[in-house]
Amino acid sequence: MMTLTELQMKDIVLMENGKKVGNVSDLEINEQNGHISAIIVTLRGKMMGLFGKEEELVVPWNQIITIGTDVILIKSPEQAPVTEVAGK
């Protein structure tokens, strides 16, 4: 078992180049089955929203390669960063 807080402390890293993308800010949960369908990642480089909206990226659960001790390794996202996540 793992808590959301534990997930939020892990760095999100791209498998292809080892680049740190950001950190988990939220989860998207399928209401029908209760499973996590995606993680919401706050992209790195934004100063906590001080200089504009934070950018977020929706990473589908099937894009996650592994969840390690310190990092979550993902495939390169195919979608562009978004500033608002549906349902927020």
PDB file of N, CA and C in Angstrom:
ATOM      1  N   MET A   1       0.832  -1.189   0.000  1.00  0.00           N
ATOM      2  CA  MET A   1       0.000   0.000   0.000  1.00  0.00           C
ATOM      3  C   MET A   1       0.871   1.245   0.000  1.00  0.00           C
ATOM      4  N   MET A   2       0.341   2.287  -0.644  1.00  0.00           N
ATOM      5  CA  MET A   2       1.048   3.554  -0.714  1.00  0.00           C
ATOM      6  C   MET A   2       0.018   4.678  -0.611  1.00  0.00           C
ATOM      7  N   THR A   3       0.387   5.739   0.064  1.00  0.00           N
ATOM      8  CA  THR A   3      -0.520   6.877   0.213  1.00  0.00           C
ATOM      9  C   THR A   3      -0.234   7.927  -0.863  1.00  0.00           C
ATOM     10  N   LEU A   4      -1.172   8.840  -1.062  1.00  0.00           N
ATOM     11  CA  LEU A   4      -0.967   9.945  -1.997  1.00  0.00           C
ATOM     12  C   LEU A   4       0.231  10.785  -1.566  1.00  0.00           C
ATOM     13  N   THR A   5       0.378  10.997  -0.287  1.00  0.00           N
ATOM     14  CA  THR A   5       1.512  11.772   0.222  1.00  0.00           C
ATOM     15  C   THR A   5       2.843  11.131  -0.174  1.00  0.00           C
ATOM     16  N   GLU A   6       2.927   9.807  -0.082  1.00  0.00           N
ATOM     17  CA  GLU A   6       4.153   9.110  -0.488  1.00  0.00           C
ATOM     18  C   GLU A   6       4.404   9.264  -1.983  1.00  0.00           C
ATOM     19  N   LEU A   7       3.340   9.204  -2.791  1.00  0.00           N
ATOM     20  CA  LEU A   7       3.487   9.410  -4.234  1.00  0.00           C
ATOM     21  C   LEU A   7       3.964  10.823  -4.542  1.00  0.00           C
ATOM     22  N   GLN A   8       3.448  11.800  -3.817  1.00  0.00           N
ATOM     23  CA  GLN A   8       3.800  13.195  -4.062  1.00  0.00           C
ATOM     24  C   GLN A   8       5.264  13.505  -3.772  1.00  0.00           C
ATOM     25  N   MET A   9       5.906  12.707  -2.955  1.00  0.00           N
ATOM     26  CA  MET A   9       7.311  12.935  -2.613  1.00  0.00           C
ATOM     27  C   MET A   9       8.269  12.362  -3.661  1.00  0.00           C
ATOM     28  N   LYS A  10       7.750  11.586  -4.597  1.00  0.00           N
ATOM     29  CA  LYS A  10       8.593  10.962  -5.621  1.00  0.00           C
ATOM     30  C   LYS A  10       8.710  11.872  -6.843  1.00  0.00           C
ATOM     31  N   ASP A  11       9.894  11.878  -7.456  1.00  0.00           N
ATOM     32  CA  ASP A  11      10.107  12.622  -8.689  1.00  0.00           C
ATOM     33  C   ASP A  11       9.551  11.821  -9.856  1.00  0.00           C
ATOM     34  N   ILE A  12       8.953  12.517 -10.831  1.00  0.00           N
ATOM     35  CA  ILE A  12       8.487  11.886 -12.059  1.00  0.00           C
ATOM     36  C   ILE A  12       9.612  12.030 -13.077  1.00  0.00           C
ATOM     37  N   VAL A  13      10.088  10.899 -13.628  1.00  0.00           N
ATOM     38  CA  VAL A  13      11.240  10.895 -14.519  1.00  0.00           C
ATOM     39  C   VAL A  13      10.881  10.198 -15.826  1.00  0.00           C
ATOM     40  N   LEU A  14      11.315  10.793 -16.959  1.00  0.00           N
ATOM     41  CA  LEU A  14      11.084  10.196 -18.269  1.00  0.00           C
ATOM     42  C   LEU A  14      12.050   9.046 -18.504  1.00  0.00           C
ATOM     43  N   MET A  15      11.522   7.917 -18.928  1.00  0.00           N
ATOM     44  CA  MET A  15      12.335   6.732 -19.184  1.00  0.00           C
ATOM     45  C   MET A  15      13.347   6.980 -20.307  1.00  0.00           C
ATOM     46  N   GLU A  16      12.941   7.708 -21.350  1.00  0.00           N
ATOM     47  CA  GLU A  16      13.777   7.872 -22.539  1.00  0.00           C
ATOM     48  C   GLU A  16      15.063   8.646 -22.302  1.00  0.00           C
ATOM     49  N   ASN A  17      15.016   9.667 -21.423  1.00  0.00           N
ATOM     50  CA  ASN A  17      16.208  10.500 -21.255  1.00  0.00           C
ATOM     51  C   ASN A  17      16.596  10.792 -19.805  1.00  0.00           C
ATOM     52  N   GLY A  18      15.844  10.258 -18.846  1.00  0.00           N
ATOM     53  CA  GLY A  18      16.169  10.460 -17.443  1.00  0.00           C
ATOM     54  C   GLY A  18      15.833  11.840 -16.911  1.00  0.00           C
ATOM     55  N   LYS A  19      15.130  12.652 -17.707  1.00  0.00           N
ATOM     56  CA  LYS A  19      14.790  14.017 -17.302  1.00  0.00           C
ATOM     57  C   LYS A  19      13.678  14.021 -16.259  1.00  0.00           C
ATOM     58  N   LYS A  20      13.878  14.820 -15.213  1.00  0.00           N
ATOM     59  CA  LYS A  20      12.848  14.992 -14.200  1.00  0.00           C
ATOM     60  C   LYS A  20      11.768  15.916 -14.756  1.00  0.00           C
ATOM     61  N   VAL A  21      10.516  15.450 -14.693  1.00  0.00           N
ATOM     62  CA  VAL A  21       9.395  16.201 -15.243  1.00  0.00           C
ATOM     63  C   VAL A  21       8.734  17.060 -14.173  1.00  0.00           C
ATOM     64  N   GLY A  22       8.559  16.515 -12.993  1.00  0.00           N
ATOM     65  CA  GLY A  22       7.870  17.230 -11.925  1.00  0.00           C
ATOM     66  C   GLY A  22       7.489  16.269 -10.817  1.00  0.00           C
ATOM     67  N   ASN A  23       6.381  16.578 -10.135  1.00  0.00           N
ATOM     68  CA  ASN A  23       5.913  15.755  -9.019  1.00  0.00           C
ATOM     69  C   ASN A  23       4.406  15.549  -9.114  1.00  0.00           C
ATOM     70  N   VAL A  24       3.936  14.477  -8.509  1.00  0.00           N
ATOM     71  CA  VAL A  24       2.508  14.178  -8.482  1.00  0.00           C
ATOM     72  C   VAL A  24       1.797  15.238  -7.646  1.00  0.00           C
ATOM     73  N   SER A  25       0.748  15.811  -8.224  1.00  0.00           N
ATOM     74  CA  SER A  25      -0.048  16.776  -7.468  1.00  0.00           C
ATOM     75  C   SER A  25      -1.433  16.227  -7.148  1.00  0.00           C
ATOM     76  N   ASP A  26      -1.883  15.251  -7.963  1.00  0.00           N
ATOM     77  CA  ASP A  26      -3.227  14.729  -7.756  1.00  0.00           C
ATOM     78  C   ASP A  26      -3.366  13.401  -8.500  1.00  0.00           C
ATOM     79  N   LEU A  27      -4.490  12.751  -8.276  1.00  0.00           N
ATOM     80  CA  LEU A  27      -4.808  11.498  -8.955  1.00  0.00           C
ATOM     81  C   LEU A  27      -6.142  11.637  -9.661  1.00  0.00           C
ATOM     82  N   GLU A  28      -6.292  10.936 -10.768  1.00  0.00           N
ATOM     83  CA  GLU A  28      -7.575  10.853 -11.456  1.00  0.00           C
ATOM     84  C   GLU A  28      -8.099   9.440 -11.212  1.00  0.00           C
ATOM     85  N   ILE A  29      -9.291   9.337 -10.643  1.00  0.00           N
ATOM     86  CA  ILE A  29      -9.839   8.037 -10.263  1.00  0.00           C
ATOM     87  C   ILE A  29     -11.092   7.741 -11.079  1.00  0.00           C
ATOM     88  N   ASN A  30     -11.174   6.526 -11.613  1.00  0.00           N
ATOM     89  CA  ASN A  30     -12.347   6.074 -12.348  1.00  0.00           C
ATOM     90  C   ASN A  30     -13.463   5.831 -11.339  1.00  0.00           C
ATOM     91  N   GLU A  31     -14.549   6.569 -11.473  1.00  0.00           N
ATOM     92  CA  GLU A  31     -15.647   6.467 -10.510  1.00  0.00           C
ATOM     93  C   GLU A  31     -16.382   5.132 -10.582  1.00  0.00           C
ATOM     94  N   GLN A  32     -16.382   4.486 -11.755  1.00  0.00           N
ATOM     95  CA  GLN A  32     -17.084   3.217 -11.892  1.00  0.00           C
ATOM     96  C   GLN A  32     -16.397   2.076 -11.149  1.00  0.00           C
ATOM     97  N   ASN A  33     -15.055   1.996 -11.264  1.00  0.00           N
ATOM     98  CA  ASN A  33     -14.367   0.852 -10.656  1.00  0.00           C
ATOM     99  C   ASN A  33     -13.443   1.223  -9.500  1.00  0.00           C
ATOM    100  N   GLY A  34     -13.261   2.520  -9.250  1.00  0.00           N
ATOM    101  CA  GLY A  34     -12.418   2.947  -8.139  1.00  0.00           C
ATOM    102  C   GLY A  34     -10.921   2.857  -8.391  1.00  0.00           C
ATOM    103  N   HIS A  35     -10.506   2.531  -9.621  1.00  0.00           N
ATOM    104  CA  HIS A  35      -9.088   2.414  -9.954  1.00  0.00           C
ATOM    105  C   HIS A  35      -8.510   3.774 -10.349  1.00  0.00           C
ATOM    106  N   ILE A  36      -7.216   3.941 -10.118  1.00  0.00           N
ATOM    107  CA  ILE A  36      -6.524   5.153 -10.547  1.00  0.00           C
ATOM    108  C   ILE A  36      -6.361   5.070 -12.057  1.00  0.00           C
ATOM    109  N   SER A  37      -6.837   6.090 -12.777  1.00  0.00           N
ATOM    110  CA  SER A  37      -6.707   6.080 -14.233  1.00  0.00           C
ATOM    111  C   SER A  37      -5.543   6.946 -14.714  1.00  0.00           C
ATOM    112  N   ALA A  38      -5.119   7.915 -13.884  1.00  0.00           N
ATOM    113  CA  ALA A  38      -4.003   8.780 -14.269  1.00  0.00           C
ATOM    114  C   ALA A  38      -3.445   9.483 -13.050  1.00  0.00           C
ATOM    115  N   ILE A  39      -2.199   9.950 -13.205  1.00  0.00           N
ATOM    116  CA  ILE A  39      -1.620  10.831 -12.196  1.00  0.00           C
ATOM    117  C   ILE A  39      -1.541  12.222 -12.809  1.00  0.00           C
ATOM    118  N   ILE A  40      -1.741  13.227 -11.987  1.00  0.00           N
ATOM    119  CA  ILE A  40      -1.633  14.614 -12.421  1.00  0.00           C
ATOM    120  C   ILE A  40      -0.289  15.116 -11.909  1.00  0.00           C
ATOM    121  N   VAL A  41       0.538  15.599 -12.841  1.00  0.00           N
ATOM    122  CA  VAL A  41       1.897  16.021 -12.509  1.00  0.00           C
ATOM    123  C   VAL A  41       2.012  17.530 -12.652  1.00  0.00           C
ATOM    124  N   THR A  42       2.476  18.196 -11.600  1.00  0.00           N
ATOM    125  CA  THR A  42       2.812  19.610 -11.693  1.00  0.00           C
ATOM    126  C   THR A  42       4.190  19.680 -12.314  1.00  0.00           C
ATOM    127  N   LEU A  43       4.274  20.369 -13.449  1.00  0.00           N
ATOM    128  CA  LEU A  43       5.536  20.410 -14.182  1.00  0.00           C
ATOM    129  C   LEU A  43       6.574  21.243 -13.465  1.00  0.00           C
ATOM    130  N   ARG A  44       7.788  20.803 -13.565  1.00  0.00           N
ATOM    131  CA  ARG A  44       8.931  21.437 -12.927  1.00  0.00           C
ATOM    132  C   ARG A  44       9.212  22.801 -13.555  1.00  0.00           C
ATOM    133  N   GLY A  45       9.766  23.695 -12.771  1.00  0.00           N
ATOM    134  CA  GLY A  45      10.189  24.984 -13.295  1.00  0.00           C
ATOM    135  C   GLY A  45       9.211  26.111 -13.018  1.00  0.00           C
ATOM    136  N   LYS A  46       8.069  25.793 -12.479  1.00  0.00           N
ATOM    137  CA  LYS A  46       7.114  26.847 -12.134  1.00  0.00           C
ATOM    138  C   LYS A  46       7.286  27.159 -10.653  1.00  0.00           C
ATOM    139  N   MET A  47       7.300  28.442 -10.326  1.00  0.00           N
ATOM    140  CA  MET A  47       7.520  28.881  -8.951  1.00  0.00           C
ATOM    141  C   MET A  47       6.207  28.901  -8.175  1.00  0.00           C
ATOM    142  N   MET A  48       5.640  27.722  -7.954  1.00  0.00           N
ATOM    143  CA  MET A  48       4.440  27.579  -7.145  1.00  0.00           C
ATOM    144  C   MET A  48       3.321  28.516  -7.601  1.00  0.00           C
ATOM    145  N   GLY A  49       3.247  28.755  -8.913  1.00  0.00           N
ATOM    146  CA  GLY A  49       2.174  29.578  -9.450  1.00  0.00           C
ATOM    147  C   GLY A  49       2.390  31.074  -9.293  1.00  0.00           C
ATOM    148  N   LEU A  50       3.540  31.499  -8.780  1.00  0.00           N
ATOM    149  CA  LEU A  50       3.778  32.923  -8.552  1.00  0.00           C
ATOM    150  C   LEU A  50       3.883  33.716  -9.852  1.00  0.00           C
ATOM    151  N   PHE A  51       4.379  33.072 -10.910  1.00  0.00           N
ATOM    152  CA  PHE A  51       4.588  33.766 -12.182  1.00  0.00           C
ATOM    153  C   PHE A  51       3.628  33.266 -13.236  1.00  0.00           C
ATOM    154  N   GLY A  52       2.410  33.028 -12.865  1.00  0.00           N
ATOM    155  CA  GLY A  52       1.416  32.505 -13.790  1.00  0.00           C
ATOM    156  C   GLY A  52       0.900  31.176 -13.287  1.00  0.00           C
ATOM    157  N   LYS A  53      -0.015  30.598 -14.053  1.00  0.00           N
ATOM    158  CA  LYS A  53      -0.597  29.324 -13.650  1.00  0.00           C
ATOM    159  C   LYS A  53       0.442  28.215 -13.718  1.00  0.00           C
ATOM    160  N   GLU A  54       0.356  27.303 -12.762  1.00  0.00           N
ATOM    161  CA  GLU A  54       1.203  26.122 -12.832  1.00  0.00           C
ATOM    162  C   GLU A  54       0.719  25.278 -13.993  1.00  0.00           C
ATOM    163  N   GLU A  55       1.645  24.650 -14.692  1.00  0.00           N
ATOM    164  CA  GLU A  55       1.266  23.755 -15.763  1.00  0.00           C
ATOM    165  C   GLU A  55       1.177  22.348 -15.207  1.00  0.00           C
ATOM    166  N   GLU A  56       0.161  21.638 -15.662  1.00  0.00           N
ATOM    167  CA  GLU A  56      -0.035  20.266 -15.216  1.00  0.00           C
ATOM    168  C   GLU A  56      -0.085  19.346 -16.419  1.00  0.00           C
ATOM    169  N   LEU A  57       0.304  18.127 -16.188  1.00  0.00           N
ATOM    170  CA  LEU A  57       0.316  17.104 -17.219  1.00  0.00           C
ATOM    171  C   LEU A  57      -0.444  15.901 -16.690  1.00  0.00           C
ATOM    172  N   VAL A  58      -1.350  15.365 -17.500  1.00  0.00           N
ATOM    173  CA  VAL A  58      -2.083  14.164 -17.134  1.00  0.00           C
ATOM    174  C   VAL A  58      -1.326  12.980 -17.717  1.00  0.00           C
ATOM    175  N   VAL A  59      -0.862  12.086 -16.843  1.00  0.00           N
ATOM    176  CA  VAL A  59      -0.130  10.895 -17.270  1.00  0.00           C
ATOM    177  C   VAL A  59      -1.014   9.679 -17.029  1.00  0.00           C
ATOM    178  N   PRO A  60      -1.536   9.062 -18.110  1.00  0.00           N
ATOM    179  CA  PRO A  60      -2.371   7.871 -17.935  1.00  0.00           C
ATOM    180  C   PRO A  60      -1.610   6.784 -17.178  1.00  0.00           C
ATOM    181  N   TRP A  61      -2.334   6.026 -16.378  1.00  0.00           N
ATOM    182  CA  TRP A  61      -1.720   4.994 -15.552  1.00  0.00           C
ATOM    183  C   TRP A  61      -0.891   4.020 -16.382  1.00  0.00           C
ATOM    184  N   ASN A  62      -1.337   3.731 -17.614  1.00  0.00           N
ATOM    185  CA  ASN A  62      -0.599   2.774 -18.450  1.00  0.00           C
ATOM    186  C   ASN A  62       0.706   3.340 -18.996  1.00  0.00           C
ATOM    187  N   GLN A  63       0.985   4.629 -18.775  1.00  0.00           N
ATOM    188  CA  GLN A  63       2.256   5.234 -19.172  1.00  0.00           C
ATOM    189  C   GLN A  63       3.319   5.086 -18.075  1.00  0.00           C
ATOM    190  N   ILE A  64       2.913   4.616 -16.892  1.00  0.00           N
ATOM    191  CA  ILE A  64       3.846   4.438 -15.783  1.00  0.00           C
ATOM    192  C   ILE A  64       4.582   3.115 -15.970  1.00  0.00           C
ATOM    193  N   ILE A  65       5.906   3.178 -15.992  1.00  0.00           N
ATOM    194  CA  ILE A  65       6.741   1.985 -16.144  1.00  0.00           C
ATOM    195  C   ILE A  65       6.915   1.303 -14.792  1.00  0.00           C
ATOM    196  N   THR A  66       7.334   2.073 -13.803  1.00  0.00           N
ATOM    197  CA  THR A  66       7.541   1.525 -12.458  1.00  0.00           C
ATOM    198  C   THR A  66       7.473   2.638 -11.421  1.00  0.00           C
ATOM    199  N   ILE A  67       7.120   2.258 -10.211  1.00  0.00           N
ATOM    200  CA  ILE A  67       7.138   3.177  -9.075  1.00  0.00           C
ATOM    201  C   ILE A  67       8.208   2.671  -8.129  1.00  0.00           C
ATOM    202  N   GLY A  68       9.299   3.439  -8.036  1.00  0.00           N
ATOM    203  CA  GLY A  68      10.421   3.034  -7.203  1.00  0.00           C
ATOM    204  C   GLY A  68      10.410   3.735  -5.860  1.00  0.00           C
ATOM    205  N   THR A  69      11.502   3.592  -5.145  1.00  0.00           N
ATOM    206  CA  THR A  69      11.636   4.188  -3.828  1.00  0.00           C
ATOM    207  C   THR A  69      11.588   5.709  -3.882  1.00  0.00           C
ATOM    208  N   ASP A  70      12.300   6.292  -4.866  1.00  0.00           N
ATOM    209  CA  ASP A  70      12.404   7.748  -4.957  1.00  0.00           C
ATOM    210  C   ASP A  70      11.778   8.350  -6.200  1.00  0.00           C
ATOM    211  N   VAL A  71      11.540   7.525  -7.233  1.00  0.00           N
ATOM    212  CA  VAL A  71      11.047   8.055  -8.503  1.00  0.00           C
ATOM    213  C   VAL A  71       9.899   7.224  -9.062  1.00  0.00           C
ATOM    214  N   ILE A  72       9.134   7.874  -9.940  1.00  0.00           N
ATOM    215  CA  ILE A  72       8.128   7.199 -10.749  1.00  0.00           C
ATOM    216  C   ILE A  72       8.616   7.351 -12.182  1.00  0.00           C
ATOM    217  N   LEU A  73       8.918   6.239 -12.824  1.00  0.00           N
ATOM    218  CA  LEU A  73       9.447   6.224 -14.179  1.00  0.00           C
ATOM    219  C   LEU A  73       8.289   6.117 -15.156  1.00  0.00           C
ATOM    220  N   ILE A  74       8.211   7.073 -16.108  1.00  0.00           N
ATOM    221  CA  ILE A  74       7.104   7.079 -17.065  1.00  0.00           C
ATOM    222  C   ILE A  74       7.619   7.088 -18.502  1.00  0.00           C
ATOM    223  N   LYS A  75       6.752   6.639 -19.427  1.00  0.00           N
ATOM    224  CA  LYS A  75       7.015   6.803 -20.856  1.00  0.00           C
ATOM    225  C   LYS A  75       6.777   8.263 -21.185  1.00  0.00           C
ATOM    226  N   SER A  76       7.401   8.747 -22.268  1.00  0.00           N
ATOM    227  CA  SER A  76       7.160  10.132 -22.680  1.00  0.00           C
ATOM    228  C   SER A  76       5.686  10.345 -22.954  1.00  0.00           C
ATOM    229  N   PRO A  77       5.117  11.362 -22.348  1.00  0.00           N
ATOM    230  CA  PRO A  77       3.685  11.638 -22.561  1.00  0.00           C
ATOM    231  C   PRO A  77       3.431  12.052 -24.005  1.00  0.00           C
ATOM    232  N   GLU A  78       2.315  11.612 -24.541  1.00  0.00           N
ATOM    233  CA  GLU A  78       1.959  11.948 -25.911  1.00  0.00           C
ATOM    234  C   GLU A  78       1.109  13.208 -25.978  1.00  0.00           C
ATOM    235  N   GLN A  79       0.635  13.665 -24.833  1.00  0.00           N
ATOM    236  CA  GLN A  79      -0.201  14.854 -24.841  1.00  0.00           C
ATOM    237  C   GLN A  79       0.576  16.057 -24.342  1.00  0.00           C
ATOM    238  N   ALA A  80       0.201  17.217 -24.800  1.00  0.00           N
ATOM    239  CA  ALA A  80       0.863  18.450 -24.395  1.00  0.00           C
ATOM    240  C   ALA A  80       0.447  18.839 -22.982  1.00  0.00           C
ATOM    241  N   PRO A  81       1.297  19.585 -22.278  1.00  0.00           N
ATOM    242  CA  PRO A  81       0.930  20.062 -20.941  1.00  0.00           C
ATOM    243  C   PRO A  81      -0.351  20.879 -20.992  1.00  0.00           C
ATOM    244  N   VAL A  82      -1.123  20.797 -19.942  1.00  0.00           N
ATOM    245  CA  VAL A  82      -2.365  21.564 -19.850  1.00  0.00           C
ATOM    246  C   VAL A  82      -2.303  22.421 -18.606  1.00  0.00           C
ATOM    247  N   THR A  83      -3.058  23.507 -18.593  1.00  0.00           N
ATOM    248  CA  THR A  83      -3.053  24.370 -17.418  1.00  0.00           C
ATOM    249  C   THR A  83      -4.216  24.069 -16.492  1.00  0.00           C
ATOM    250  N   GLU A  84      -5.239  23.421 -17.005  1.00  0.00           N
ATOM    251  CA  GLU A  84      -6.365  23.046 -16.173  1.00  0.00           C
ATOM    252  C   GLU A  84      -6.675  21.575 -16.400  1.00  0.00           C
ATOM    253  N   VAL A  85      -7.049  20.894 -15.338  1.00  0.00           N
ATOM    254  CA  VAL A  85      -7.385  19.484 -15.417  1.00  0.00           C
ATOM    255  C   VAL A  85      -8.894  19.369 -15.269  1.00  0.00           C
ATOM    256  N   ALA A  86      -9.506  18.537 -16.108  1.00  0.00           N
ATOM    257  CA  ALA A  86     -10.956  18.367 -16.064  1.00  0.00           C
ATOM    258  C   ALA A  86     -11.401  17.992 -14.658  1.00  0.00           C
ATOM    259  N   GLY A  87     -12.467  18.580 -14.210  1.00  0.00           N
ATOM    260  CA  GLY A  87     -13.008  18.259 -12.895  1.00  0.00           C
ATOM    261  C   GLY A  87     -12.443  19.091 -11.767  1.00  0.00           C
ATOM    262  N   LYS A  88     -11.515  19.979 -12.058  1.00  0.00           N
ATOM    263  CA  LYS A  88     -10.942  20.833 -11.009  1.00  0.00           C
ATOM    264  C   LYS A  88     -11.614  22.164 -10.985  1.00  0.00           C
TER     265      LYS A  88
END
